[in-house]
N, C-alpha and C. Protein backbone atom coordinates (compact mmCIF):
# COMPACT_ATOMS: atom_id res chain seq x y z
N UNK A 1 -13.54 11.71 26.18
CA UNK A 1 -13.41 10.27 26.17
C UNK A 1 -11.97 9.91 26.54
N UNK A 2 -11.83 8.83 27.23
CA UNK A 2 -10.48 8.42 27.55
C UNK A 2 -9.96 7.43 26.52
N UNK A 3 -8.68 7.22 26.57
CA UNK A 3 -7.97 6.44 25.56
C UNK A 3 -8.48 5.01 25.45
N UNK A 4 -8.81 4.38 26.57
CA UNK A 4 -9.27 2.99 26.54
C UNK A 4 -10.59 2.84 25.79
N UNK A 5 -11.50 3.80 25.97
CA UNK A 5 -12.78 3.74 25.27
C UNK A 5 -12.59 3.89 23.76
N UNK A 6 -11.70 4.79 23.37
CA UNK A 6 -11.45 5.00 21.95
C UNK A 6 -10.83 3.75 21.34
N UNK A 7 -9.84 3.16 22.01
CA UNK A 7 -9.21 1.95 21.50
C UNK A 7 -10.19 0.78 21.47
N UNK A 8 -11.04 0.69 22.46
CA UNK A 8 -12.06 -0.37 22.48
C UNK A 8 -13.03 -0.20 21.31
N UNK A 9 -13.46 1.04 21.07
CA UNK A 9 -14.36 1.31 19.95
C UNK A 9 -13.68 0.97 18.63
N UNK A 10 -12.41 1.36 18.48
CA UNK A 10 -11.68 1.07 17.25
C UNK A 10 -11.51 -0.43 17.05
N UNK A 11 -11.19 -1.15 18.12
CA UNK A 11 -11.01 -2.60 18.00
C UNK A 11 -12.30 -3.30 17.57
N UNK A 12 -13.43 -2.81 18.04
CA UNK A 12 -14.69 -3.46 17.69
C UNK A 12 -15.23 -3.02 16.32
N UNK A 13 -14.72 -1.91 15.77
CA UNK A 13 -15.20 -1.40 14.48
C UNK A 13 -14.04 -1.15 13.52
N UNK A 14 -13.00 -1.92 13.62
CA UNK A 14 -11.78 -1.70 12.84
C UNK A 14 -12.03 -1.70 11.34
N UNK A 15 -12.75 -2.66 10.83
CA UNK A 15 -12.99 -2.76 9.39
C UNK A 15 -13.74 -1.56 8.84
N UNK A 16 -14.78 -1.15 9.54
CA UNK A 16 -15.57 -0.01 9.08
C UNK A 16 -14.80 1.30 9.11
N UNK A 17 -14.03 1.49 10.16
CA UNK A 17 -13.25 2.73 10.31
C UNK A 17 -12.16 2.77 9.24
N UNK A 18 -11.44 1.66 9.05
CA UNK A 18 -10.40 1.64 8.03
C UNK A 18 -10.98 1.80 6.63
N UNK A 19 -12.11 1.18 6.37
CA UNK A 19 -12.76 1.31 5.07
C UNK A 19 -13.21 2.74 4.80
N UNK A 20 -13.76 3.38 5.82
CA UNK A 20 -14.19 4.77 5.66
C UNK A 20 -12.99 5.69 5.42
N UNK A 21 -11.90 5.45 6.12
CA UNK A 21 -10.70 6.28 5.94
C UNK A 21 -10.11 6.09 4.54
N UNK A 22 -10.09 4.86 4.07
CA UNK A 22 -9.57 4.61 2.72
C UNK A 22 -10.50 5.24 1.68
N UNK A 23 -11.80 5.11 1.88
CA UNK A 23 -12.76 5.72 0.96
C UNK A 23 -12.63 7.24 0.93
N UNK A 24 -12.43 7.84 2.09
CA UNK A 24 -12.23 9.29 2.15
C UNK A 24 -10.96 9.70 1.42
N UNK A 25 -9.87 8.95 1.63
CA UNK A 25 -8.60 9.27 0.97
C UNK A 25 -8.74 9.15 -0.55
N UNK A 26 -9.44 8.12 -1.02
CA UNK A 26 -9.64 7.95 -2.46
C UNK A 26 -10.49 9.08 -3.03
N UNK A 27 -11.55 9.45 -2.32
CA UNK A 27 -12.42 10.54 -2.79
C UNK A 27 -11.67 11.86 -2.87
N UNK A 28 -10.86 12.16 -1.86
CA UNK A 28 -10.09 13.40 -1.87
C UNK A 28 -9.07 13.37 -3.00
N UNK A 29 -8.41 12.23 -3.21
CA UNK A 29 -7.43 12.11 -4.29
C UNK A 29 -8.09 12.32 -5.64
N UNK A 30 -9.27 11.76 -5.84
CA UNK A 30 -9.97 11.93 -7.12
C UNK A 30 -10.39 13.38 -7.31
N UNK A 31 -10.86 14.03 -6.25
CA UNK A 31 -11.26 15.43 -6.37
C UNK A 31 -10.08 16.34 -6.65
N UNK A 32 -8.94 16.07 -6.05
CA UNK A 32 -7.78 16.93 -6.22
C UNK A 32 -7.03 16.61 -7.51
N UNK A 33 -6.77 15.33 -7.77
CA UNK A 33 -5.93 14.94 -8.89
C UNK A 33 -6.70 14.62 -10.17
N UNK A 34 -7.91 14.18 -10.04
CA UNK A 34 -8.65 13.66 -11.18
C UNK A 34 -8.61 12.14 -11.13
N UNK A 35 -9.50 11.50 -11.89
CA UNK A 35 -9.65 10.06 -11.78
C UNK A 35 -8.41 9.29 -12.22
N UNK A 36 -7.89 9.59 -13.41
CA UNK A 36 -6.79 8.79 -13.93
C UNK A 36 -5.49 9.03 -13.17
N UNK A 37 -5.25 10.24 -12.73
CA UNK A 37 -4.05 10.50 -11.92
C UNK A 37 -4.16 9.81 -10.57
N UNK A 38 -5.35 9.83 -9.98
CA UNK A 38 -5.55 9.13 -8.71
C UNK A 38 -5.40 7.63 -8.90
N UNK A 39 -5.88 7.11 -10.02
CA UNK A 39 -5.72 5.69 -10.32
C UNK A 39 -4.24 5.33 -10.48
N UNK A 40 -3.47 6.20 -11.13
CA UNK A 40 -2.04 5.98 -11.28
C UNK A 40 -1.34 5.98 -9.93
N UNK A 41 -1.69 6.91 -9.06
CA UNK A 41 -1.09 6.96 -7.72
C UNK A 41 -1.44 5.69 -6.94
N UNK A 42 -2.69 5.25 -7.02
CA UNK A 42 -3.10 4.03 -6.32
C UNK A 42 -2.36 2.81 -6.86
N UNK A 43 -2.15 2.76 -8.16
CA UNK A 43 -1.41 1.66 -8.77
C UNK A 43 0.04 1.66 -8.29
N UNK A 44 0.68 2.82 -8.25
CA UNK A 44 2.06 2.92 -7.77
C UNK A 44 2.16 2.52 -6.30
N UNK A 45 1.21 2.93 -5.49
CA UNK A 45 1.20 2.56 -4.08
C UNK A 45 1.04 1.05 -3.94
N UNK A 46 0.16 0.46 -4.71
CA UNK A 46 -0.05 -0.99 -4.65
C UNK A 46 1.20 -1.76 -5.06
N UNK A 47 1.86 -1.33 -6.13
CA UNK A 47 3.09 -1.99 -6.57
C UNK A 47 4.18 -1.82 -5.52
N UNK A 48 4.31 -0.63 -4.95
CA UNK A 48 5.30 -0.39 -3.91
C UNK A 48 5.04 -1.22 -2.67
N UNK A 49 3.79 -1.36 -2.30
CA UNK A 49 3.43 -2.19 -1.15
C UNK A 49 3.81 -3.64 -1.41
N UNK A 50 3.49 -4.13 -2.58
CA UNK A 50 3.77 -5.53 -2.93
C UNK A 50 5.28 -5.80 -2.91
N UNK A 51 6.06 -4.94 -3.54
CA UNK A 51 7.51 -5.14 -3.57
C UNK A 51 8.10 -5.00 -2.16
N UNK A 52 7.63 -4.02 -1.40
CA UNK A 52 8.12 -3.85 -0.04
C UNK A 52 7.81 -5.04 0.85
N UNK A 53 6.64 -5.59 0.71
CA UNK A 53 6.26 -6.77 1.50
C UNK A 53 7.11 -7.96 1.13
N UNK A 54 7.34 -8.15 -0.16
CA UNK A 54 8.17 -9.27 -0.61
C UNK A 54 9.61 -9.09 -0.15
N UNK A 55 10.13 -7.86 -0.19
CA UNK A 55 11.50 -7.61 0.27
C UNK A 55 11.65 -7.88 1.76
N UNK A 56 10.62 -7.56 2.52
CA UNK A 56 10.67 -7.80 3.96
C UNK A 56 10.65 -9.30 4.26
N UNK A 57 9.89 -10.05 3.48
CA UNK A 57 9.79 -11.50 3.70
C UNK A 57 11.02 -12.24 3.19
N UNK A 58 11.57 -11.82 2.04
CA UNK A 58 12.69 -12.52 1.42
C UNK A 58 13.72 -11.49 0.99
N UNK A 59 14.87 -11.50 1.63
CA UNK A 59 15.91 -10.50 1.35
C UNK A 59 16.47 -10.62 -0.07
N UNK A 60 16.39 -11.79 -0.69
CA UNK A 60 16.92 -12.00 -2.04
C UNK A 60 15.85 -11.82 -3.12
N UNK A 61 14.69 -11.31 -2.75
CA UNK A 61 13.59 -11.17 -3.71
C UNK A 61 13.98 -10.26 -4.88
N UNK A 62 14.60 -9.14 -4.58
CA UNK A 62 14.96 -8.19 -5.64
C UNK A 62 15.98 -8.79 -6.59
N UNK A 63 16.97 -9.50 -6.05
CA UNK A 63 17.97 -10.15 -6.91
C UNK A 63 17.31 -11.21 -7.80
N UNK A 64 16.43 -12.00 -7.22
CA UNK A 64 15.72 -13.02 -8.00
C UNK A 64 14.83 -12.39 -9.06
N UNK A 65 14.16 -11.29 -8.72
CA UNK A 65 13.30 -10.60 -9.67
C UNK A 65 14.13 -10.05 -10.82
N UNK A 66 15.26 -9.43 -10.51
CA UNK A 66 16.10 -8.89 -11.57
C UNK A 66 16.72 -10.00 -12.42
N UNK A 67 17.02 -11.16 -11.83
CA UNK A 67 17.52 -12.29 -12.61
C UNK A 67 16.48 -12.78 -13.61
N UNK A 68 15.19 -12.71 -13.23
CA UNK A 68 14.13 -13.13 -14.15
C UNK A 68 13.92 -12.12 -15.26
N UNK A 69 14.11 -10.83 -14.97
CA UNK A 69 13.84 -9.78 -15.95
C UNK A 69 15.06 -9.51 -16.84
N UNK A 70 16.22 -9.33 -16.23
CA UNK A 70 17.44 -8.99 -16.96
C UNK A 70 18.29 -10.24 -17.19
N UNK A 71 19.23 -10.16 -18.11
CA UNK A 71 20.16 -11.28 -18.23
C UNK A 71 20.96 -11.45 -16.94
N UNK A 72 21.25 -12.68 -16.53
CA UNK A 72 21.96 -12.91 -15.27
C UNK A 72 23.30 -12.17 -15.22
N UNK A 73 23.59 -11.57 -14.08
CA UNK A 73 24.85 -10.88 -13.87
C UNK A 73 24.87 -9.45 -14.35
N UNK A 74 23.79 -8.94 -14.91
CA UNK A 74 23.76 -7.58 -15.45
C UNK A 74 23.87 -6.53 -14.35
N UNK A 75 23.20 -6.73 -13.27
CA UNK A 75 23.14 -5.72 -12.21
C UNK A 75 24.24 -5.87 -11.17
N UNK A 76 25.08 -6.87 -11.26
CA UNK A 76 26.12 -7.09 -10.25
C UNK A 76 27.42 -6.46 -10.65
């Protein structure tokens, strides 16, 4: 198969392919690590994704977050 056909197939079935890949990754993680360890890894990935996305959108997000959690001026 040539590259254009593969990309065309992926573009038309993107949701199913991504869902299957995520499902496979979760199944392998559960088989290798166990349920609760895999759940912990997924939770850490989700938190990391959320913080990374917020940092990319707003450069002062981390400072604002630390101001809400810690007393002001603690980390500076």
